[in-house]
């Protein structure tokens, strides 16, 4: 088995066991493991990941891990909406159908 050093940033720490939060830690993995496999084995869903760096360089989830790699995992950030705000109506109105009385 090979070993890599992982460091999770921001809200991704909530997925980790307390002793592994907010610090770098070593983790052993199978020789054919990818970043995605190793990260999910630690309890962090890959859908929560925004940016990955291996040994200081940007990387993809399908990259094979190497012995001695240092992996920094950053959270996905919400993208601001590009759509303009919708105008508010002058007067609010509501519609109720006949089934509302049954509630």
N, C-alpha and C. Protein backbone atom coordinates (compact mmCIF):
# COMPACT_ATOMS: atom_id res chain seq x y z
N UNK A 1 0.84 -1.19 0.00
CA UNK A 1 0.00 0.00 0.00
C UNK A 1 0.88 1.25 0.00
N UNK A 2 0.37 2.26 -0.68
CA UNK A 2 1.06 3.54 -0.73
C UNK A 2 0.39 4.51 0.23
N UNK A 3 1.06 5.61 0.52
CA UNK A 3 0.53 6.61 1.45
C UNK A 3 0.63 8.00 0.83
N UNK A 4 -0.43 8.79 1.01
CA UNK A 4 -0.44 10.19 0.57
C UNK A 4 -0.87 11.06 1.74
N UNK A 5 -0.53 12.34 1.68
CA UNK A 5 -0.94 13.29 2.70
C UNK A 5 -2.10 14.11 2.16
N UNK A 6 -3.18 14.15 2.93
CA UNK A 6 -4.40 14.86 2.53
C UNK A 6 -4.63 16.06 3.44
N UNK A 7 -5.13 17.15 2.85
CA UNK A 7 -5.52 18.33 3.62
C UNK A 7 -6.82 18.85 3.04
N UNK A 8 -7.89 18.80 3.84
CA UNK A 8 -9.21 19.28 3.43
C UNK A 8 -9.40 20.69 3.95
N UNK A 9 -10.02 21.54 3.15
CA UNK A 9 -10.20 22.94 3.51
C UNK A 9 -11.68 23.28 3.66
N UNK A 10 -11.95 24.31 4.47
CA UNK A 10 -13.30 24.84 4.62
C UNK A 10 -14.30 23.84 5.15
N UNK A 11 -15.51 23.90 4.61
CA UNK A 11 -16.61 23.07 5.11
C UNK A 11 -16.45 21.58 4.81
N UNK A 12 -15.47 21.20 4.02
CA UNK A 12 -15.23 19.76 3.78
C UNK A 12 -14.79 19.05 5.06
N UNK A 13 -14.26 19.79 6.01
CA UNK A 13 -13.82 19.19 7.27
C UNK A 13 -14.97 18.56 8.05
N UNK A 14 -16.19 19.00 7.80
CA UNK A 14 -17.35 18.45 8.50
C UNK A 14 -17.57 16.98 8.17
N UNK A 15 -17.07 16.51 7.03
CA UNK A 15 -17.23 15.11 6.64
C UNK A 15 -16.18 14.19 7.28
N UNK A 16 -15.17 14.77 7.87
CA UNK A 16 -14.05 13.98 8.42
C UNK A 16 -14.23 13.68 9.90
N UNK A 17 -13.54 12.64 10.35
CA UNK A 17 -13.49 12.34 11.78
C UNK A 17 -12.77 13.50 12.48
N UNK A 18 -13.14 13.81 13.70
CA UNK A 18 -12.59 14.96 14.41
C UNK A 18 -11.06 15.03 14.43
N UNK A 19 -10.35 13.93 14.65
CA UNK A 19 -8.88 14.04 14.69
C UNK A 19 -8.25 14.44 13.34
N UNK A 20 -9.00 14.35 12.25
CA UNK A 20 -8.46 14.67 10.93
C UNK A 20 -8.87 16.05 10.43
N UNK A 21 -9.67 16.76 11.19
CA UNK A 21 -10.17 18.06 10.75
C UNK A 21 -9.10 19.15 10.89
N UNK A 22 -9.11 20.08 9.94
CA UNK A 22 -8.26 21.28 9.97
C UNK A 22 -6.76 21.00 10.05
N UNK A 23 -6.32 19.86 9.52
CA UNK A 23 -4.88 19.57 9.51
C UNK A 23 -4.57 18.58 8.40
N UNK A 24 -3.31 18.49 8.04
CA UNK A 24 -2.86 17.49 7.06
C UNK A 24 -2.67 16.16 7.78
N UNK A 25 -3.00 15.06 7.10
CA UNK A 25 -2.84 13.74 7.69
C UNK A 25 -2.49 12.73 6.60
N UNK A 26 -1.81 11.69 6.99
CA UNK A 26 -1.42 10.63 6.05
C UNK A 26 -2.53 9.59 5.98
N UNK A 27 -2.71 9.02 4.79
CA UNK A 27 -3.73 7.99 4.58
C UNK A 27 -3.18 6.98 3.58
N UNK A 28 -3.29 5.70 3.92
CA UNK A 28 -2.84 4.62 3.03
C UNK A 28 -3.95 4.28 2.04
N UNK A 29 -3.57 3.94 0.82
CA UNK A 29 -4.54 3.61 -0.22
C UNK A 29 -3.99 2.51 -1.11
N UNK A 30 -4.89 1.88 -1.86
CA UNK A 30 -4.49 0.82 -2.79
C UNK A 30 -3.64 1.41 -3.91
N UNK A 31 -2.77 0.60 -4.47
CA UNK A 31 -1.84 1.07 -5.50
C UNK A 31 -2.54 1.62 -6.73
N UNK A 32 -3.73 1.13 -7.06
CA UNK A 32 -4.44 1.60 -8.26
C UNK A 32 -5.52 2.63 -7.97
N UNK A 33 -5.52 3.23 -6.79
CA UNK A 33 -6.56 4.18 -6.39
C UNK A 33 -6.41 5.51 -7.12
N UNK A 34 -7.56 6.12 -7.44
CA UNK A 34 -7.58 7.46 -8.00
C UNK A 34 -7.88 8.44 -6.87
N UNK A 35 -7.75 9.73 -7.17
CA UNK A 35 -8.09 10.74 -6.18
C UNK A 35 -9.53 10.58 -5.70
N UNK A 36 -10.44 10.35 -6.63
CA UNK A 36 -11.85 10.19 -6.28
C UNK A 36 -12.05 9.05 -5.29
N UNK A 37 -11.45 7.89 -5.56
CA UNK A 37 -11.60 6.73 -4.67
C UNK A 37 -11.06 7.03 -3.28
N UNK A 38 -9.88 7.62 -3.20
CA UNK A 38 -9.27 7.90 -1.91
C UNK A 38 -10.06 8.93 -1.11
N UNK A 39 -10.54 9.98 -1.78
CA UNK A 39 -11.29 11.03 -1.09
C UNK A 39 -12.62 10.49 -0.58
N UNK A 40 -13.32 9.71 -1.40
CA UNK A 40 -14.60 9.15 -0.96
C UNK A 40 -14.40 8.11 0.14
N UNK A 41 -13.27 7.41 0.14
CA UNK A 41 -12.98 6.46 1.21
C UNK A 41 -12.80 7.18 2.55
N UNK A 42 -12.43 8.45 2.50
CA UNK A 42 -12.29 9.25 3.72
C UNK A 42 -13.62 9.85 4.17
N UNK A 43 -14.68 9.67 3.38
CA UNK A 43 -16.01 10.12 3.77
C UNK A 43 -16.49 11.40 3.12
N UNK A 44 -15.72 11.96 2.20
CA UNK A 44 -16.10 13.21 1.55
C UNK A 44 -16.68 12.90 0.17
N UNK A 45 -17.95 13.27 -0.10
CA UNK A 45 -18.54 13.03 -1.42
C UNK A 45 -17.82 13.84 -2.50
N UNK A 46 -17.56 13.23 -3.64
CA UNK A 46 -16.83 13.94 -4.70
C UNK A 46 -17.62 15.12 -5.25
N UNK A 47 -18.94 15.13 -5.08
CA UNK A 47 -19.76 16.24 -5.56
C UNK A 47 -19.56 17.52 -4.76
N UNK A 48 -18.95 17.42 -3.59
CA UNK A 48 -18.70 18.58 -2.74
C UNK A 48 -17.35 19.24 -3.04
N UNK A 49 -16.56 18.62 -3.90
CA UNK A 49 -15.21 19.09 -4.16
C UNK A 49 -15.22 20.13 -5.28
N UNK A 50 -14.53 21.23 -5.04
CA UNK A 50 -14.43 22.27 -6.05
C UNK A 50 -13.09 22.29 -6.75
N UNK A 51 -12.00 22.29 -5.99
CA UNK A 51 -10.66 22.38 -6.56
C UNK A 51 -9.75 21.37 -5.89
N UNK A 52 -8.95 20.71 -6.70
CA UNK A 52 -7.98 19.72 -6.21
C UNK A 52 -6.59 20.12 -6.64
N UNK A 53 -5.64 20.00 -5.74
CA UNK A 53 -4.24 20.22 -6.08
C UNK A 53 -3.44 19.04 -5.57
N UNK A 54 -2.60 18.49 -6.43
CA UNK A 54 -1.69 17.41 -6.04
C UNK A 54 -0.28 17.94 -6.20
N UNK A 55 0.46 17.94 -5.11
CA UNK A 55 1.83 18.47 -5.10
C UNK A 55 1.88 19.90 -5.63
N UNK A 56 0.85 20.69 -5.30
CA UNK A 56 0.81 22.09 -5.68
C UNK A 56 0.26 22.40 -7.06
N UNK A 57 -0.05 21.38 -7.85
CA UNK A 57 -0.57 21.60 -9.21
C UNK A 57 -2.03 21.17 -9.30
N UNK A 58 -2.86 21.91 -10.05
CA UNK A 58 -4.27 21.51 -10.22
C UNK A 58 -4.36 20.10 -10.80
N UNK A 59 -5.39 19.38 -10.36
CA UNK A 59 -5.54 17.99 -10.78
C UNK A 59 -7.00 17.63 -10.96
N UNK A 60 -7.25 16.49 -11.62
CA UNK A 60 -8.60 15.98 -11.84
C UNK A 60 -8.86 14.79 -10.92
N UNK A 61 -10.14 14.49 -10.71
CA UNK A 61 -10.52 13.38 -9.82
C UNK A 61 -10.06 12.02 -10.33
N UNK A 62 -9.89 11.87 -11.63
CA UNK A 62 -9.52 10.56 -12.17
C UNK A 62 -8.00 10.32 -12.19
N UNK A 63 -7.24 11.24 -11.62
CA UNK A 63 -5.78 11.09 -11.57
C UNK A 63 -5.40 9.98 -10.60
N UNK A 64 -4.51 9.07 -11.01
CA UNK A 64 -4.03 8.05 -10.07
C UNK A 64 -3.16 8.68 -8.99
N UNK A 65 -3.31 8.20 -7.78
CA UNK A 65 -2.49 8.69 -6.67
C UNK A 65 -1.13 8.01 -6.69
N UNK A 66 -0.13 8.75 -6.28
CA UNK A 66 1.21 8.19 -6.17
C UNK A 66 1.67 8.20 -4.72
N UNK A 67 2.60 7.33 -4.41
CA UNK A 67 3.14 7.28 -3.05
C UNK A 67 3.84 8.60 -2.74
N UNK A 68 3.50 9.20 -1.60
CA UNK A 68 4.11 10.44 -1.18
C UNK A 68 3.44 11.69 -1.70
N UNK A 69 2.36 11.56 -2.47
CA UNK A 69 1.66 12.74 -2.98
C UNK A 69 1.07 13.55 -1.83
N UNK A 70 1.03 14.88 -2.04
CA UNK A 70 0.36 15.77 -1.09
C UNK A 70 -0.87 16.32 -1.81
N UNK A 71 -2.05 16.08 -1.23
CA UNK A 71 -3.32 16.43 -1.88
C UNK A 71 -4.04 17.49 -1.06
N UNK A 72 -4.37 18.61 -1.70
CA UNK A 72 -5.17 19.67 -1.08
C UNK A 72 -6.53 19.67 -1.75
N UNK A 73 -7.60 19.59 -0.93
CA UNK A 73 -8.96 19.50 -1.44
C UNK A 73 -9.75 20.71 -0.94
N UNK A 74 -10.28 21.48 -1.88
CA UNK A 74 -11.04 22.68 -1.55
C UNK A 74 -12.52 22.46 -1.88
N UNK A 75 -13.42 23.11 -1.13
CA UNK A 75 -14.86 22.90 -1.35
C UNK A 75 -15.37 23.59 -2.61
N UNK A 76 -16.51 23.09 -3.08
CA UNK A 76 -17.24 23.71 -4.19
C UNK A 76 -17.86 24.99 -3.67
N UNK A 77 -17.70 26.06 -4.39
CA UNK A 77 -18.30 27.34 -4.00
C UNK A 77 -19.53 27.60 -4.86
N UNK A 78 -20.56 28.15 -4.25
CA UNK A 78 -21.77 28.49 -5.00
C UNK A 78 -21.45 29.61 -5.98
N UNK A 79 -21.91 29.45 -7.21
CA UNK A 79 -21.70 30.46 -8.23
C UNK A 79 -22.82 31.50 -8.14
N UNK A 80 -22.47 32.78 -8.16
CA UNK A 80 -23.53 33.79 -8.12
C UNK A 80 -24.38 33.73 -9.38
N UNK A 81 -25.65 34.03 -9.22
CA UNK A 81 -26.57 33.99 -10.35
C UNK A 81 -26.27 35.13 -11.31
N UNK A 82 -26.23 34.83 -12.59
CA UNK A 82 -25.97 35.84 -13.61
C UNK A 82 -27.26 36.52 -14.06
N UNK A 83 -28.40 35.96 -13.70
CA UNK A 83 -29.69 36.52 -14.12
C UNK A 83 -30.01 37.77 -13.28
N UNK A 84 -30.55 38.80 -13.92
CA UNK A 84 -30.93 39.98 -13.15
C UNK A 84 -32.12 39.67 -12.24
N UNK A 85 -32.24 40.42 -11.18
CA UNK A 85 -33.34 40.22 -10.24
C UNK A 85 -34.67 40.54 -10.93
N UNK A 86 -35.68 39.74 -10.66
CA UNK A 86 -37.00 39.96 -11.25
C UNK A 86 -37.69 41.11 -10.53
N UNK A 87 -38.46 41.92 -11.26
CA UNK A 87 -39.18 43.02 -10.60
C UNK A 87 -40.28 42.46 -9.70
N UNK A 88 -40.53 43.13 -8.60
CA UNK A 88 -41.56 42.72 -7.66
C UNK A 88 -42.91 43.30 -8.10
N UNK A 89 -43.99 42.53 -7.94
CA UNK A 89 -45.32 43.04 -8.33
C UNK A 89 -45.77 44.16 -7.39
N UNK A 90 -46.62 45.05 -7.93
CA UNK A 90 -47.16 46.13 -7.10
C UNK A 90 -48.09 45.59 -6.02
N UNK A 91 -48.86 44.56 -6.40
CA UNK A 91 -49.81 43.98 -5.45
C UNK A 91 -49.75 42.47 -5.59
N UNK A 92 -49.57 41.76 -4.47
CA UNK A 92 -49.51 40.30 -4.49
C UNK A 92 -50.91 39.72 -4.59
N UNK A 93 -51.08 38.67 -5.37
CA UNK A 93 -52.35 37.97 -5.50
C UNK A 93 -52.09 36.48 -5.42
N UNK A 94 -53.05 35.75 -4.88
CA UNK A 94 -52.92 34.31 -4.74
C UNK A 94 -54.11 33.61 -5.38
N UNK A 95 -53.88 32.42 -5.88
CA UNK A 95 -54.94 31.63 -6.50
C UNK A 95 -55.11 30.37 -5.67
N UNK A 96 -56.37 30.02 -5.36
CA UNK A 96 -56.67 28.79 -4.63
C UNK A 96 -57.68 27.99 -5.44
N UNK A 97 -57.45 26.69 -5.54
CA UNK A 97 -58.41 25.88 -6.30
C UNK A 97 -59.43 25.25 -5.35
N UNK A 98 -60.39 24.53 -5.90
CA UNK A 98 -61.49 23.96 -5.12
C UNK A 98 -61.02 22.93 -4.10
N UNK A 99 -59.88 22.30 -4.31
CA UNK A 99 -59.39 21.27 -3.40
C UNK A 99 -58.82 21.84 -2.10
N UNK A 100 -58.58 23.12 -2.05
CA UNK A 100 -58.02 23.74 -0.86
C UNK A 100 -58.95 23.62 0.34
N UNK A 101 -60.25 23.63 0.11
CA UNK A 101 -61.22 23.51 1.20
C UNK A 101 -61.13 22.17 1.91
N UNK A 102 -60.66 21.13 1.23
CA UNK A 102 -60.54 19.80 1.84
C UNK A 102 -59.38 19.70 2.81
N UNK A 103 -58.49 20.64 2.79
CA UNK A 103 -57.35 20.60 3.71
C UNK A 103 -57.79 21.07 5.06
